[in-house]
Amino acid sequence: MDGMTPNLTPVPTPRHGARRLVGRLFAPAAVAALIAGAALPAAAQDRFIVMASTTSTEQSGLFKVLLPAFRQATGIEVRVVAVGTGQAIDTARRGDADVLFVHDTALEEKFVADGFAAERRDVMYNDFVLAGPKADPAGLRGSDVAAALKKLAGTPQGFVSRGDKSGTHAAELRLWKAAGIEIGAQRPAGYRACGCGMGPALNMAAALNAHVLTDRGTWLAFRNRGELSVLVEGDRRLFNQYGVLVVSRAKHPHVKADLAQQFADWVVSPAGQAVIGQVKVEGEPLFFPNARR
């Protein structure tokens, strides 16, 4: 994973007019694939869904295994818009996605409460870790993330925040608050927000030899670690749950809810859960399936 963000070029999309956001977010190669699909028979064109998801599910490498397995099982292609969880949910609220696969349970439950999905279902989990310089100049190493962040805030040591309203960013802000620090009012001296995905944030932290909160899956798949290592892990507050939600036709009649439901049902089925559990980096699972059926 190189952590680089592709150049994004606005283009018209062959889907429903409301899908204007897809053209702005897909990389040019992905857009070319969408346009090429217009030459296929109508039935073949319709056998795809758009999924709004997080950069962690994509950049960790999970989707490279999970989505081909789903296509093989069902014949349905999944086209991913990978952004922060907050942006992914906003995308689905506008009807620009058929299904959500994200990791901010509170926002997901509000999405359901507001009528944009009938239900959310647990799919898998991993955890967040606080990574930083191997030498640990701030003395953070341990299992109490709130104590570590409080200590870090009293030093000039760097911290890279995603700052993108993602699930990871939301978790980070909750953890700073648990440490007694409101980032908006008392930002630590070394705090930098990149407004970027998990891969670029890790690259920035590696380049600066700074601290960063990351999901473990992306950390395991990350190769440009520089002098970084995991300093804080194991705190129950670092638990990271992912859920799946099918966008409601009651809000957006054009969404492919039937095909999206097939994905949601498959990813929580024994077959989908088995695929998730088999995705590993150097023998370590990226995610742990925990669907309740």
Protein backbone atom coordinates (compact mmCIF):
# COMPACT_ATOMS: atom_id res chain seq x y z
CA MET A 1 0.00 0.00 0.00
CA ASP A 2 1.61 3.26 -1.03
CA GLY A 3 -0.82 5.55 0.84
CA MET A 4 -0.99 7.90 -2.12
CA THR A 5 -4.28 9.61 -2.96
CA PRO A 6 -5.21 9.29 -6.68
CA ASN A 7 -5.94 12.30 -8.80
CA LEU A 8 -9.73 12.65 -8.87
CA THR A 9 -11.41 14.06 -11.96
CA PRO A 10 -15.10 15.00 -12.22
CA VAL A 11 -16.82 13.00 -14.97
CA PRO A 12 -20.44 12.15 -15.73
CA THR A 13 -21.59 8.80 -14.36
CA PRO A 14 -23.77 6.34 -16.29
CA ARG A 15 -25.90 5.65 -13.22
CA HIS A 16 -28.93 7.54 -11.92
CA GLY A 17 -28.56 11.31 -12.07
CA ALA A 18 -28.40 11.50 -8.27
CA ARG A 19 -25.10 9.60 -8.38
CA ARG A 20 -23.16 12.75 -9.30
CA LEU A 21 -20.79 12.22 -6.35
CA VAL A 22 -19.48 8.93 -7.71
CA GLY A 23 -17.87 10.65 -10.69
CA ARG A 24 -16.11 13.07 -8.36
CA LEU A 25 -14.73 10.41 -6.03
CA PHE A 26 -13.79 7.47 -8.25
CA ALA A 27 -10.27 7.38 -9.65
CA PRO A 28 -10.09 7.81 -13.47
CA ALA A 29 -9.47 4.08 -14.00
CA ALA A 30 -12.57 3.21 -12.02
CA VAL A 31 -14.62 5.74 -13.96
CA ALA A 32 -13.38 4.23 -17.21
CA ALA A 33 -14.63 0.87 -16.00
CA LEU A 34 -18.04 2.39 -15.26
CA ILE A 35 -18.25 3.89 -18.74
CA ALA A 36 -17.07 0.67 -20.36
CA GLY A 37 -19.96 -1.04 -18.63
CA ALA A 38 -22.34 0.94 -20.83
CA ALA A 39 -21.41 -1.34 -23.73
CA LEU A 40 -22.68 -4.40 -21.84
CA PRO A 41 -26.21 -5.74 -22.06
CA ALA A 42 -28.65 -3.95 -19.73
CA ALA A 43 -28.96 -6.94 -17.39
CA ALA A 44 -25.17 -7.11 -16.96
CA GLN A 45 -24.96 -3.37 -16.31
CA ASP A 46 -27.49 -3.66 -13.51
CA ARG A 47 -25.57 -6.40 -11.66
CA PHE A 48 -23.52 -3.98 -9.61
CA ILE A 49 -23.98 -1.88 -6.51
CA VAL A 50 -22.20 1.18 -5.19
CA MET A 51 -20.90 0.82 -1.65
CA ALA A 52 -19.85 3.81 0.45
CA SER A 53 -17.19 2.61 2.86
CA THR A 54 -14.12 3.66 4.77
CA THR A 55 -10.52 4.03 3.70
CA SER A 56 -9.55 1.45 6.34
CA THR A 57 -11.54 -1.37 4.72
CA GLU A 58 -10.05 -0.57 1.34
CA GLN A 59 -6.48 0.35 2.28
CA SER A 60 -6.08 -2.58 4.65
CA GLY A 61 -6.54 -4.90 1.66
CA LEU A 62 -9.76 -6.52 2.93
CA PHE A 63 -11.84 -5.61 -0.11
CA LYS A 64 -9.29 -7.12 -2.50
CA VAL A 65 -10.32 -10.49 -1.09
CA LEU A 66 -13.87 -9.98 0.16
CA LEU A 67 -15.46 -8.37 -2.90
CA PRO A 68 -14.20 -10.87 -5.50
CA ALA A 69 -15.48 -13.68 -3.24
CA PHE A 70 -18.90 -12.03 -3.13
CA ARG A 71 -18.94 -11.55 -6.90
CA GLN A 72 -18.02 -15.17 -7.43
CA ALA A 73 -20.85 -16.27 -5.13
CA THR A 74 -23.54 -13.97 -6.55
CA GLY A 75 -22.41 -12.45 -9.84
CA ILE A 76 -22.84 -8.97 -8.31
CA GLU A 77 -20.01 -6.46 -8.63
CA VAL A 78 -19.39 -3.98 -5.81
CA ARG A 79 -17.98 -0.57 -6.74
CA VAL A 80 -16.50 1.18 -3.74
CA VAL A 81 -16.46 4.86 -2.81
CA ALA A 82 -13.82 4.84 -0.04
CA VAL A 83 -13.94 7.95 2.14
CA GLY A 84 -14.22 8.68 5.85
CA THR A 85 -17.24 7.19 7.62
CA GLY A 86 -18.90 10.59 8.02
CA GLN A 87 -18.55 11.30 4.31
CA ALA A 88 -19.69 7.76 3.46
CA ILE A 89 -22.87 8.23 5.49
CA ASP A 90 -23.49 11.62 3.87
CA THR A 91 -23.06 9.96 0.47
CA ALA A 92 -25.69 7.37 1.34
CA ARG A 93 -28.04 10.02 2.75
CA ARG A 94 -28.00 11.70 -0.67
CA GLY A 95 -28.80 8.40 -2.37
CA ASP A 96 -25.40 8.15 -4.02
CA ALA A 97 -24.76 4.64 -2.66
CA ASP A 98 -26.77 1.46 -2.30
CA VAL A 99 -25.08 0.11 0.82
CA LEU A 100 -22.89 1.35 3.67
CA PHE A 101 -19.97 -0.54 5.26
CA VAL A 102 -18.61 1.74 8.00
CA HIS A 103 -17.42 1.97 11.60
CA ASP A 104 -19.14 4.59 13.71
CA THR A 105 -21.99 2.82 15.50
CA ALA A 106 -23.55 6.01 16.85
CA LEU A 107 -23.77 7.58 13.38
CA GLU A 108 -25.01 4.30 11.90
CA GLU A 109 -27.81 4.06 14.46
CA LYS A 110 -28.82 7.66 13.69
CA PHE A 111 -28.89 6.75 9.99
CA VAL A 112 -31.41 4.03 10.85
CA ALA A 113 -33.38 6.26 13.22
CA ASP A 114 -33.70 8.88 10.46
CA GLY A 115 -35.23 6.28 8.14
CA PHE A 116 -32.35 5.89 5.70
CA ALA A 117 -31.95 2.17 6.47
CA ALA A 118 -34.18 -0.45 8.06
CA GLU A 119 -31.40 -1.84 10.25
CA ARG A 120 -27.65 -1.99 10.89
CA ARG A 121 -25.89 -5.28 11.39
CA ASP A 122 -22.57 -6.01 13.03
CA VAL A 123 -20.09 -7.52 10.59
CA MET A 124 -16.61 -7.56 12.12
CA TYR A 125 -14.29 -5.74 14.47
CA ASN A 126 -10.67 -4.99 15.12
CA ASP A 127 -9.10 -2.35 17.33
CA PHE A 128 -7.36 0.97 17.14
CA VAL A 129 -3.74 1.35 18.19
CA LEU A 130 -1.68 4.43 19.01
CA ALA A 131 1.53 4.29 17.00
CA GLY A 132 4.52 6.57 17.45
CA PRO A 133 8.32 6.73 17.43
CA LYS A 134 9.94 3.45 18.52
CA ALA A 135 12.09 5.36 20.98
CA ASP A 136 8.89 6.54 22.70
CA PRO A 137 10.25 9.98 23.67
CA ALA A 138 6.97 10.95 25.36
CA GLY A 139 6.89 7.78 27.48
CA LEU A 140 3.48 6.62 26.26
CA ARG A 141 3.97 2.87 25.97
CA GLY A 142 1.27 0.88 27.75
CA SER A 143 -2.43 0.02 27.61
CA ASP A 144 -4.15 3.18 28.91
CA VAL A 145 -4.86 5.31 25.85
CA ALA A 146 -6.40 8.24 27.76
CA ALA A 147 -3.37 8.51 30.04
CA ALA A 148 -1.07 8.30 27.03
CA LEU A 149 -2.85 11.10 25.16
CA LYS A 150 -2.91 13.29 28.25
CA LYS A 151 0.83 12.81 28.63
CA LEU A 152 1.39 13.42 24.91
CA ALA A 153 -0.53 16.72 25.06
CA GLY A 154 1.98 18.05 27.58
CA THR A 155 4.92 17.53 25.21
CA PRO A 156 5.95 19.10 21.90
CA GLN A 157 5.83 15.66 20.24
CA GLY A 158 3.91 15.46 16.96
CA PHE A 159 0.48 13.87 16.47
CA VAL A 160 -1.15 13.41 13.05
CA SER A 161 -4.95 13.43 13.03
CA ARG A 162 -6.96 12.35 10.03
CA GLY A 163 -9.22 15.35 10.61
CA ASP A 164 -11.69 14.06 8.03
CA LYS A 165 -14.83 13.18 10.03
CA SER A 166 -14.05 9.50 9.53
CA GLY A 167 -14.82 6.76 12.03
CA THR A 168 -11.17 6.85 13.08
CA HIS A 169 -11.27 10.62 13.50
CA ALA A 170 -14.46 10.36 15.59
CA ALA A 171 -12.82 7.71 17.78
CA GLU A 172 -9.73 9.90 18.15
CA LEU A 173 -11.80 12.86 19.34
CA ARG A 174 -13.62 10.66 21.87
CA LEU A 175 -10.27 9.45 23.19
CA TRP A 176 -8.87 12.97 23.53
CA LYS A 177 -12.05 13.87 25.43
CA ALA A 178 -11.53 10.86 27.71
CA ALA A 179 -8.08 12.32 28.37
CA GLY A 180 -9.72 15.60 29.42
CA ILE A 181 -8.77 17.46 26.26
CA GLU A 182 -11.19 19.21 23.89
CA ILE A 183 -9.24 19.44 20.64
CA GLY A 184 -11.23 22.42 19.35
CA ALA A 185 -10.39 24.49 22.42
CA GLN A 186 -6.99 23.23 23.54
CA ARG A 187 -5.16 21.68 20.61
CA PRO A 188 -1.74 20.29 21.64
CA ALA A 189 1.31 22.04 20.20
CA GLY A 190 2.32 19.10 17.99
CA TYR A 191 -1.20 18.35 16.67
CA ARG A 192 -1.63 18.36 12.88
CA ALA A 193 -4.82 17.49 10.98
CA CYS A 194 -4.25 16.23 7.46
CA GLY A 195 -7.87 15.91 6.28
CA CYS A 196 -6.87 12.65 4.63
CA GLY A 197 -7.42 8.90 4.62
CA MET A 198 -5.71 6.38 6.86
CA GLY A 199 -2.90 5.54 4.44
CA PRO A 200 -1.82 9.15 3.83
CA ALA A 201 -2.09 9.89 7.56
CA LEU A 202 0.25 6.99 8.30
CA ASN A 203 2.65 8.17 5.61
CA MET A 204 2.65 11.65 7.11
CA ALA A 205 3.26 10.30 10.62
CA ALA A 206 6.12 8.15 9.34
CA ALA A 207 7.69 11.12 7.54
CA LEU A 208 7.43 13.32 10.65
CA ASN A 209 8.20 10.51 13.13
CA ALA A 210 4.96 11.54 14.85
CA HIS A 211 2.17 9.76 16.69
CA VAL A 212 -1.04 8.62 15.01
CA LEU A 213 -4.20 6.68 15.86
CA THR A 214 -4.84 3.93 13.33
CA ASP A 215 -7.02 0.88 12.97
CA ARG A 216 -4.96 -2.26 13.32
CA GLY A 217 -5.93 -3.65 9.92
CA THR A 218 -4.45 -0.71 8.02
CA TRP A 219 -1.43 -0.68 10.32
CA LEU A 220 -0.72 -4.35 9.56
CA ALA A 221 -0.97 -3.73 5.81
CA PHE A 222 1.14 -0.55 6.02
CA ARG A 223 4.72 -0.94 4.86
CA ASN A 224 6.13 2.59 5.06
CA ARG A 225 6.45 2.56 8.85
CA GLY A 226 9.78 4.35 9.13
CA GLU A 227 10.63 4.50 12.85
CA LEU A 228 7.05 4.00 14.01
CA SER A 229 5.82 1.16 16.22
CA VAL A 230 2.69 0.42 18.24
CA LEU A 231 2.95 2.13 21.62
CA VAL A 232 -0.54 1.78 23.11
CA GLU A 233 -2.95 -1.12 22.58
CA GLY A 234 -5.35 -3.30 24.50
CA ASP A 235 -7.53 -0.59 26.05
CA ARG A 236 -11.23 -1.51 25.77
CA ARG A 237 -11.86 2.03 24.50
CA LEU A 238 -9.90 1.11 21.37
CA PHE A 239 -12.51 -1.45 20.24
CA ASN A 240 -13.52 -0.81 16.61
CA GLN A 241 -16.83 -2.25 15.35
CA TYR A 242 -17.91 -2.28 11.68
CA GLY A 243 -21.50 -2.46 10.46
CA VAL A 244 -23.41 -2.87 7.19
CA LEU A 245 -26.58 -0.95 6.24
CA VAL A 246 -28.74 -1.14 3.11
CA VAL A 247 -30.00 2.25 1.93
CA SER A 248 -33.80 2.45 2.04
CA ARG A 249 -35.90 2.72 -1.09
CA ALA A 250 -38.40 4.71 0.96
CA LYS A 251 -35.87 7.57 0.96
CA HIS A 252 -34.29 6.91 -2.45
CA PRO A 253 -36.45 4.81 -4.81
CA HIS A 254 -33.64 4.44 -7.36
CA VAL A 255 -31.24 2.52 -5.09
CA LYS A 256 -30.56 -1.14 -5.85
CA ALA A 257 -31.82 -2.29 -2.48
CA ASP A 258 -32.41 -5.90 -3.56
CA LEU A 259 -28.82 -6.36 -4.76
CA ALA A 260 -27.49 -4.42 -1.76
CA GLN A 261 -29.46 -6.69 0.56
CA GLN A 262 -27.78 -9.70 -1.04
CA PHE A 263 -24.42 -8.20 -0.10
CA ALA A 264 -25.53 -7.43 3.46
CA ASP A 265 -26.92 -10.94 3.89
CA TRP A 266 -23.82 -12.57 2.41
CA VAL A 267 -21.27 -10.59 4.43
CA VAL A 268 -22.90 -11.72 7.71
CA SER A 269 -23.45 -15.30 6.48
CA PRO A 270 -21.06 -18.14 7.39
CA ALA A 271 -19.50 -17.84 3.91
CA GLY A 272 -18.84 -14.10 4.15
CA GLN A 273 -17.68 -14.30 7.75
CA ALA A 274 -15.25 -17.08 6.82
CA VAL A 275 -13.69 -14.92 4.11
CA ILE A 276 -13.23 -12.02 6.55
CA GLY A 277 -11.57 -14.30 9.08
CA GLN A 278 -9.14 -15.64 6.49
CA VAL A 279 -7.70 -12.27 5.44
CA LYS A 280 -4.37 -11.96 7.21
CA VAL A 281 -1.08 -10.12 6.96
CA GLU A 282 1.96 -12.08 8.10
CA GLY A 283 -0.35 -14.47 9.93
CA GLU A 284 -2.30 -11.76 11.78
CA PRO A 285 -6.02 -11.26 11.01
CA LEU A 286 -6.98 -7.81 9.76
CA PHE A 287 -10.51 -8.13 11.17
CA PHE A 288 -12.48 -10.54 13.34
CA PRO A 289 -15.95 -11.57 12.11
CA ASN A 290 -18.67 -11.14 14.74
CA ALA A 291 -22.02 -11.04 12.92
CA ARG A 292 -25.04 -12.02 15.01
CA ARG A 293 -27.43 -13.93 12.79
